[in-house]
Protein backbone atom coordinates (compact mmCIF):
# COMPACT_ATOMS: atom_id res chain seq x y z
CA UNK A 1 9.20 -6.98 13.43
CA UNK A 2 8.93 -3.83 15.50
CA UNK A 3 7.22 -3.90 18.87
CA UNK A 4 4.05 -2.02 19.72
CA UNK A 5 4.12 1.74 19.28
CA UNK A 6 1.96 4.18 21.18
CA UNK A 7 0.86 7.22 19.23
CA UNK A 8 -1.16 10.24 20.20
CA UNK A 9 -3.34 11.84 17.57
CA UNK A 10 -5.45 14.93 18.13
CA UNK A 11 -8.50 15.50 15.98
CA UNK A 12 -11.36 17.90 16.41
CA UNK A 13 -14.45 19.17 14.74
CA UNK A 14 -15.93 17.22 11.87
CA UNK A 15 -13.21 14.56 11.99
CA UNK A 16 -13.78 13.96 15.68
CA UNK A 17 -17.53 13.72 15.12
CA UNK A 18 -17.00 11.28 12.26
CA UNK A 19 -14.80 9.04 14.41
CA UNK A 20 -17.37 9.17 17.22
CA UNK A 21 -20.10 7.90 14.88
CA UNK A 22 -17.95 4.89 13.97
CA UNK A 23 -16.97 3.94 17.52
CA UNK A 24 -19.02 2.70 20.45
CA UNK A 25 -22.40 1.08 20.84
CA UNK A 26 -23.78 2.31 17.50
CA UNK A 27 -20.52 2.21 15.54
CA UNK A 28 -18.68 -0.55 13.73
CA UNK A 29 -15.73 -0.45 16.15
CA UNK A 30 -15.52 -0.95 19.90
CA UNK A 31 -12.87 1.73 20.41
CA UNK A 32 -10.81 4.32 18.56
CA UNK A 33 -7.67 2.16 18.57
CA UNK A 34 -9.50 -0.65 16.77
CA UNK A 35 -10.81 1.86 14.22
CA UNK A 36 -7.35 3.35 13.58
CA UNK A 37 -5.73 -0.09 13.24
CA UNK A 38 -8.36 -1.06 10.66
CA UNK A 39 -7.80 2.18 8.72
CA UNK A 40 -4.05 1.54 8.67
CA UNK A 41 -4.54 -2.07 7.53
CA UNK A 42 -6.83 -0.93 4.72
CA UNK A 43 -4.37 1.77 3.65
CA UNK A 44 -1.55 -0.80 3.64
CA UNK A 45 -3.65 -3.15 1.49
CA UNK A 46 -4.43 -0.27 -0.88
CA UNK A 47 -0.75 0.63 -1.20
CA UNK A 48 0.15 -3.01 -1.88
CA UNK A 49 -2.62 -3.27 -4.49
CA UNK A 50 -1.40 -0.06 -6.16
CA UNK A 51 2.14 -1.47 -6.35
CA UNK A 52 0.81 -4.73 -7.80
CA UNK A 53 -1.29 -2.85 -10.36
CA UNK A 54 1.75 -0.80 -11.47
CA UNK A 55 3.82 -3.98 -11.85
CA UNK A 56 1.01 -5.69 -13.74
CA UNK A 57 0.72 -2.73 -16.13
CA UNK A 58 4.47 -2.82 -16.78
CA UNK A 59 4.34 -6.56 -17.48
CA UNK A 60 1.36 -6.19 -19.82
CA UNK A 61 3.26 -3.48 -21.69
CA UNK A 62 6.42 -5.62 -21.87
CA UNK A 63 4.60 -8.73 -23.07
CA UNK A 64 2.65 -6.80 -25.69
CA UNK A 65 5.82 -5.38 -27.28
CA UNK A 66 6.83 -6.96 -30.58
CA UNK A 67 9.37 -9.73 -30.18
CA UNK A 68 11.76 -7.89 -32.52
CA UNK A 69 12.13 -5.17 -29.88
CA UNK A 70 13.65 -7.59 -27.36
CA UNK A 71 17.42 -7.76 -26.93
CA UNK A 72 19.17 -10.93 -25.80
CA UNK A 73 21.02 -10.32 -22.51
CA UNK A 74 23.20 -12.49 -20.37
CA UNK A 75 23.15 -12.41 -16.57
CA UNK A 76 26.48 -10.59 -16.73
CA UNK A 77 24.91 -7.91 -18.99
CA UNK A 78 22.11 -7.33 -16.47
CA UNK A 79 24.48 -7.24 -13.51
CA UNK A 80 26.78 -4.80 -15.31
CA UNK A 81 23.88 -2.57 -16.29
CA UNK A 82 22.60 -2.49 -12.72
CA UNK A 83 26.02 -1.59 -11.32
CA UNK A 84 26.32 1.41 -13.61
């Protein structure tokens, strides 16, 4: 696991105003760092969910295929195919 990283991000205008409304006494977050960490966590969760959904769709497609379309393969067949 990597150690802490310090990043500097400059925002202005409407984005800066939007962040300001979400931080501080009236906002949902105590400080900008807390807000950014939460945004990153949510984006990570979204990316993981997207990957899961793609895998799930592939599995649904595979399991809905007619059994006659399946080919018997040995472990050696799979290994050889993946090396090619």
